[in-house]
Amino acid sequence: MKLWGGRFESGSSEVFERFSGSLDFDRRLIDADIRGSQAFARALERAGIVTAEERETIVSAFEAIRAEAASPGFYEGATDEDVHTLVIRKLQERAGAVAGKIHTGRSRNEQVSLDTRLWLREECDRARALLGGLMGALLDLAEAYPAALIPGYTHTRRAQAVLWPHYLLAYFEMFARDWERLGEARRRASVLPLGSGALAGSGFPFDREAMARDLGFDAITRNSMDVSGDRDFALDFLYAASVAMLHLSRLAEDWILYSSEEFGWLELADGVTSGSSLMPQKKNPDSLELIRGKSRARDGLA
């Protein structure tokens, strides 16, 4: 089944089908798709489009699909174009004819935007939690050896000596900015597109503020033509994630260099690649050894 293409007289080519299929990667949106559709079913009831009994049938069917999706074989043999098509097919199998009402007044554009926003909000929260653990580990490592001296570098050439905590807290500041950027990306994603229609708005009296409260959104979109093609919020997340990865790469490269024979004042524990913790220990006035240590540092730097 397809959720688009009703005006076409013939089907799409097999090559196009393979090119446009996305179920293998957009399946990660399934929980967001189900939650968004359940909220829309409740909005349809408030607008008088479905009855309370029909809404309950739809919402319960979605709950059953959510439980079924947790099984390993859920996607086996699925030939659906994407996760949205798969979910609607499963809904029809469980709820029958009433499933056809779930797209009343809802466009494909706003559904995809909603699902992506719901998923991105959670990814921002997850990434911020991981950054918080890493920042905590850096603080622990800095506090453990407040007086340890290490060389500072300019273009890999030795410059002034600096304190070990000063070096670590430079990265703390970088990750703090990353944490803030991800928070801003989350804020931009937390704007409800539901009720916008495909382009020129919806012809049904949906209570968009109620839908926003139902799904925990901070605001609603203001222009249906804009939201139809807006993916700025996804770019905001990609930028924030890219900068965070640059900072992580920079820290990793530092420790690769400093533990090499050419630098030689840092030693990585044998298990560092599998997430072992690190703790500095004085070796001589110009060197620092990293050995196994605190569990919190391990969790943050894994």
Protein backbone atom coordinates (compact mmCIF):
# COMPACT_ATOMS: atom_id res chain seq x y z
CA MET A 1 0.00 0.00 0.00
CA LYS A 2 1.00 3.63 -0.47
CA LEU A 3 -0.07 6.84 1.23
CA TRP A 4 0.49 8.88 -1.94
CA GLY A 5 0.17 8.68 -5.73
CA GLY A 6 -3.61 8.38 -6.02
CA ARG A 7 -3.69 10.40 -9.23
CA PHE A 8 -1.27 8.11 -11.10
CA GLU A 9 -2.69 5.65 -13.63
CA SER A 10 0.17 3.15 -13.39
CA GLY A 11 2.50 2.05 -10.65
CA SER A 12 6.06 3.23 -10.16
CA SER A 13 8.98 1.29 -11.61
CA GLU A 14 10.81 -1.34 -9.62
CA VAL A 15 14.00 0.75 -9.75
CA PHE A 16 12.18 3.72 -8.28
CA GLU A 17 10.63 1.51 -5.60
CA ARG A 18 14.06 0.37 -4.46
CA PHE A 19 15.48 3.89 -4.60
CA SER A 20 12.69 5.50 -2.60
CA GLY A 21 12.26 2.76 0.01
CA SER A 22 13.43 3.79 3.47
CA LEU A 23 12.04 1.20 5.89
CA ASP A 24 15.49 -0.20 6.62
CA PHE A 25 16.52 3.02 8.36
CA ASP A 26 13.39 5.02 9.19
CA ARG A 27 12.01 2.13 11.25
CA ARG A 28 13.62 3.90 14.21
CA LEU A 29 10.72 6.38 13.98
CA ILE A 30 8.08 3.75 14.70
CA ASP A 31 7.45 4.72 18.31
CA ALA A 32 7.22 8.40 17.36
CA ASP A 33 4.86 7.54 14.48
CA ILE A 34 2.60 5.59 16.80
CA ARG A 35 2.55 8.27 19.50
CA GLY A 36 1.83 10.98 16.96
CA SER A 37 -0.98 8.98 15.38
CA GLN A 38 -2.53 8.23 18.75
CA ALA A 39 -2.52 11.94 19.58
CA PHE A 40 -4.09 12.67 16.20
CA ALA A 41 -6.82 10.09 16.86
CA ARG A 42 -7.67 11.96 20.05
CA ALA A 43 -7.71 15.23 18.08
CA LEU A 44 -10.09 13.64 15.56
CA GLU A 45 -12.43 12.76 18.42
CA ARG A 46 -12.31 16.30 19.81
CA ALA A 47 -13.15 17.62 16.33
CA GLY A 48 -16.15 15.27 16.08
CA ILE A 49 -14.67 13.26 13.18
CA VAL A 50 -14.47 9.94 15.03
CA THR A 51 -16.50 8.67 17.94
CA ALA A 52 -15.07 7.82 21.33
CA GLU A 53 -15.46 4.14 20.48
CA GLU A 54 -13.62 4.56 17.17
CA ARG A 55 -10.85 6.52 18.86
CA GLU A 56 -10.44 3.78 21.45
CA THR A 57 -10.27 1.13 18.71
CA ILE A 58 -7.56 3.08 16.86
CA VAL A 59 -5.50 3.93 19.95
CA SER A 60 -5.67 0.37 21.27
CA ALA A 61 -4.63 -1.03 17.88
CA PHE A 62 -1.63 1.28 17.88
CA GLU A 63 -0.67 0.05 21.36
CA ALA A 64 -0.79 -3.53 20.11
CA ILE A 65 1.41 -2.59 17.15
CA ARG A 66 3.90 -0.95 19.52
CA ALA A 67 4.12 -4.16 21.56
CA GLU A 68 4.41 -6.27 18.42
CA ALA A 69 7.20 -4.04 17.08
CA ALA A 70 9.40 -5.04 20.02
CA SER A 71 9.65 -8.60 18.69
CA PRO A 72 12.72 -9.46 16.57
CA GLY A 73 10.71 -10.70 13.61
CA PHE A 74 8.38 -7.72 13.31
CA TYR A 75 9.99 -6.35 10.12
CA GLU A 76 10.74 -9.69 8.47
CA GLY A 77 9.20 -9.90 5.02
CA ALA A 78 7.89 -6.32 5.13
CA THR A 79 7.83 -4.74 1.68
CA ASP A 80 6.35 -1.41 2.77
CA GLU A 81 7.89 1.77 1.39
CA ASP A 82 8.60 3.26 4.81
CA VAL A 83 7.68 3.00 8.47
CA HIS A 84 4.58 5.21 8.07
CA THR A 85 3.13 2.90 5.42
CA LEU A 86 3.97 -0.15 7.53
CA VAL A 87 2.19 1.27 10.58
CA ILE A 88 -0.94 2.14 8.60
CA ARG A 89 -1.03 -1.35 7.06
CA LYS A 90 -0.75 -2.90 10.51
CA LEU A 91 -3.48 -0.58 11.77
CA GLN A 92 -5.84 -1.67 9.00
CA GLU A 93 -5.15 -5.32 9.80
CA ARG A 94 -6.06 -4.76 13.45
CA ALA A 95 -8.73 -2.04 13.38
CA GLY A 96 -10.44 -2.65 10.06
CA ALA A 97 -12.28 0.05 8.12
CA VAL A 98 -12.05 2.66 10.88
CA ALA A 99 -8.28 2.79 10.26
CA GLY A 100 -8.99 4.79 7.11
CA LYS A 101 -10.08 7.75 9.25
CA ILE A 102 -6.65 8.27 10.82
CA HIS A 103 -5.49 10.38 7.88
CA THR A 104 -8.55 12.63 7.83
CA GLY A 105 -7.16 16.15 7.60
CA ARG A 106 -3.56 14.96 8.08
CA SER A 107 -0.94 15.23 5.36
CA ARG A 108 2.11 13.11 4.73
CA ASN A 109 4.29 16.21 5.15
CA GLU A 110 3.14 17.03 8.66
CA GLN A 111 3.26 13.36 9.71
CA VAL A 112 6.89 13.00 8.68
CA SER A 113 7.80 16.33 10.28
CA LEU A 114 6.05 15.37 13.51
CA ASP A 115 7.72 11.95 13.73
CA THR A 116 11.15 13.42 13.07
CA ARG A 117 10.66 16.15 15.67
CA LEU A 118 9.50 13.67 18.30
CA TRP A 119 12.49 11.43 17.63
CA LEU A 120 14.99 14.30 17.55
CA ARG A 121 13.81 15.66 20.89
CA GLU A 122 14.65 12.33 22.50
CA GLU A 123 17.99 12.11 20.70
CA CYS A 124 18.89 15.58 21.98
CA ASP A 125 18.02 14.50 25.52
CA ARG A 126 20.07 11.32 25.16
CA ALA A 127 23.09 13.14 23.74
CA ARG A 128 22.93 15.78 26.48
CA ALA A 129 22.83 13.07 29.14
CA LEU A 130 25.92 11.43 27.63
CA LEU A 131 27.71 14.77 27.50
CA GLY A 132 26.77 15.40 31.12
CA GLY A 133 28.39 12.09 32.10
CA LEU A 134 31.54 12.97 30.19
CA MET A 135 31.73 16.44 31.74
CA GLY A 136 31.32 14.91 35.19
CA ALA A 137 34.15 12.48 34.47
CA LEU A 138 36.43 15.34 33.38
CA LEU A 139 35.66 17.19 36.62
CA ASP A 140 36.42 14.07 38.68
CA LEU A 141 39.70 13.58 36.85
CA ALA A 142 40.64 17.23 37.32
CA GLU A 143 39.77 17.27 41.03
CA ALA A 144 41.74 14.09 41.67
CA TYR A 145 45.06 15.70 40.67
CA PRO A 146 44.73 19.48 41.07
CA ALA A 147 48.49 20.19 41.14
CA ALA A 148 49.71 17.91 38.34
CA LEU A 149 51.74 19.78 35.68
CA ILE A 150 51.77 18.91 31.99
CA PRO A 151 53.26 20.61 28.93
CA GLY A 152 51.10 22.95 26.91
CA TYR A 153 51.52 22.91 23.14
CA THR A 154 51.36 25.28 20.19
CA HIS A 155 51.20 23.42 16.86
CA THR A 156 52.56 20.30 18.64
CA ARG A 157 55.59 22.26 19.92
CA ARG A 158 56.05 22.66 23.65
CA ALA A 159 54.96 25.99 25.09
CA GLN A 160 54.13 26.96 28.68
CA ALA A 161 53.49 24.33 31.30
CA VAL A 162 49.85 24.11 32.41
CA LEU A 163 47.96 22.38 35.16
CA TRP A 164 46.29 19.08 34.30
CA PRO A 165 42.90 20.41 35.52
CA HIS A 166 43.30 23.50 33.30
CA TYR A 167 43.79 21.27 30.28
CA LEU A 168 40.79 19.06 31.11
CA LEU A 169 38.53 22.02 31.86
CA ALA A 170 39.24 23.44 28.42
CA TYR A 171 37.38 20.41 27.08
CA PHE A 172 34.74 20.83 29.76
CA GLU A 173 34.00 24.26 28.29
CA MET A 174 33.76 22.85 24.77
CA PHE A 175 31.34 20.15 25.85
CA ALA A 176 29.32 22.67 27.86
CA ARG A 177 28.77 24.64 24.64
CA ASP A 178 27.81 21.41 22.89
CA TRP A 179 25.30 20.73 25.66
CA GLU A 180 23.80 24.17 25.15
CA ARG A 181 23.66 23.77 21.36
CA LEU A 182 21.81 20.48 21.69
CA GLY A 183 19.37 22.17 24.05
CA GLU A 184 18.72 24.84 21.45
CA ALA A 185 18.29 22.18 18.76
CA ARG A 186 15.74 20.47 21.00
CA ARG A 187 13.86 23.72 21.50
CA ARG A 188 13.66 24.28 17.75
CA ALA A 189 12.44 20.72 17.20
CA SER A 190 9.78 21.03 19.91
CA VAL A 191 7.32 22.94 17.70
CA LEU A 192 4.19 21.04 16.69
CA PRO A 193 3.50 20.82 12.92
CA LEU A 194 0.34 18.69 13.29
CA GLY A 195 -2.75 20.39 11.94
CA SER A 196 -0.88 22.22 9.18
CA GLY A 197 -2.10 20.08 6.31
CA ALA A 198 -0.11 19.51 3.14
CA LEU A 199 0.43 23.15 2.22
CA ALA A 200 -2.49 25.54 2.75
CA GLY A 201 -3.67 24.46 6.19
CA SER A 202 -6.29 22.01 7.33
CA GLY A 203 -10.02 22.30 6.63
CA PHE A 204 -10.89 20.75 9.99
CA PRO A 205 -11.22 22.59 13.32
CA PHE A 206 -8.38 20.89 15.14
CA ASP A 207 -7.33 22.21 18.53
CA ARG A 208 -3.59 22.46 17.80
CA GLU A 209 -2.78 23.75 21.28
CA ALA A 210 -4.39 20.64 22.76
CA MET A 211 -2.38 18.42 20.40
CA ALA A 212 0.80 20.23 21.46
CA ARG A 213 0.02 19.62 25.13
CA ASP A 214 -0.82 15.97 24.39
CA LEU A 215 2.62 15.40 22.83
CA GLY A 216 4.61 17.70 25.12
CA PHE A 217 5.50 20.32 22.50
CA ASP A 218 6.51 23.80 23.61
CA ALA A 219 4.80 25.65 20.74
CA ILE A 220 2.93 25.21 17.46
CA THR A 221 4.06 26.15 13.96
CA ARG A 222 2.59 29.39 12.62
CA ASN A 223 2.64 29.00 8.84
CA SER A 224 1.47 25.86 7.04
CA MET A 225 3.38 26.66 3.86
CA ASP A 226 6.63 27.03 5.80
CA VAL A 227 6.25 23.90 7.91
CA SER A 228 5.41 21.76 4.88
CA GLY A 229 9.04 21.85 3.76
CA ASP A 230 10.88 22.98 6.88
CA ARG A 231 13.71 20.72 8.01
CA ASP A 232 15.84 23.45 9.59
CA PHE A 233 15.42 21.80 12.98
CA ALA A 234 17.12 18.65 11.64
CA LEU A 235 20.05 20.72 10.35
CA ASP A 236 20.31 22.38 13.76
CA PHE A 237 20.69 18.97 15.37
CA LEU A 238 23.20 17.81 12.77
CA TYR A 239 25.32 20.91 13.34
CA ALA A 240 25.26 20.53 17.12
CA ALA A 241 26.12 16.83 16.87
CA SER A 242 28.91 17.50 14.36
CA VAL A 243 30.58 20.08 16.58
CA ALA A 244 30.36 17.74 19.56
CA MET A 245 32.00 15.00 17.51
CA LEU A 246 34.77 17.41 16.49
CA HIS A 247 35.48 18.12 20.15
CA LEU A 248 35.44 14.41 21.00
CA SER A 249 37.78 13.72 18.09
CA ARG A 250 40.11 16.49 19.25
CA LEU A 251 40.30 15.03 22.76
CA ALA A 252 40.92 11.54 21.40
CA GLU A 253 43.64 12.82 19.05
CA ASP A 254 45.33 14.64 21.94
CA TRP A 255 45.63 11.45 23.91
CA ILE A 256 46.79 9.48 20.88
CA LEU A 257 49.58 11.99 20.33
CA TYR A 258 50.52 12.42 23.98
CA SER A 259 50.79 8.64 24.46
CA SER A 260 53.01 8.19 21.39
CA GLU A 261 56.76 7.69 21.56
CA GLU A 262 57.37 11.21 20.25
CA PHE A 263 55.54 12.82 23.19
CA GLY A 264 55.66 10.04 25.75
CA TRP A 265 54.15 11.66 28.84
CA LEU A 266 50.78 9.93 28.70
CA GLU A 267 50.08 6.23 28.89
CA LEU A 268 46.71 4.74 28.07
CA ALA A 269 45.46 1.78 30.06
CA ASP A 270 45.25 -1.54 28.23
CA GLY A 271 41.48 -1.53 28.37
CA VAL A 272 40.89 2.05 27.28
CA THR A 273 39.47 1.00 23.90
CA SER A 274 36.77 -0.99 25.67
CA GLY A 275 35.87 1.83 28.03
CA SER A 276 38.23 1.41 31.00
CA SER A 277 38.45 4.36 33.32
CA LEU A 278 41.42 6.65 33.40
CA MET A 279 43.22 8.30 36.31
CA PRO A 280 46.34 10.46 36.21
CA GLN A 281 49.36 9.56 38.27
CA LYS A 282 52.65 11.41 38.65
CA LYS A 283 55.51 9.64 36.93
CA ASN A 284 58.13 12.38 36.88
CA PRO A 285 57.89 16.19 36.73
CA ASP A 286 57.32 16.13 32.96
CA SER A 287 55.14 13.07 32.55
CA LEU A 288 51.72 11.80 33.44
CA GLU A 289 50.48 8.23 33.32
CA LEU A 290 46.88 7.27 32.70
CA ILE A 291 45.91 4.03 34.40
CA ARG A 292 42.69 2.27 35.33
CA GLY A 293 40.73 4.24 37.89
CA LYS A 294 37.35 5.60 38.74
CA SER A 295 34.21 3.97 37.46
CA ARG A 296 32.58 7.34 36.80
CA ALA A 297 35.41 8.32 34.51
CA ARG A 298 34.96 5.02 32.70
CA ASP A 299 31.25 5.62 32.19
CA GLY A 300 31.78 9.16 30.97
CA LEU A 301 34.65 8.39 28.58
CA ALA A 302 33.31 5.12 27.15
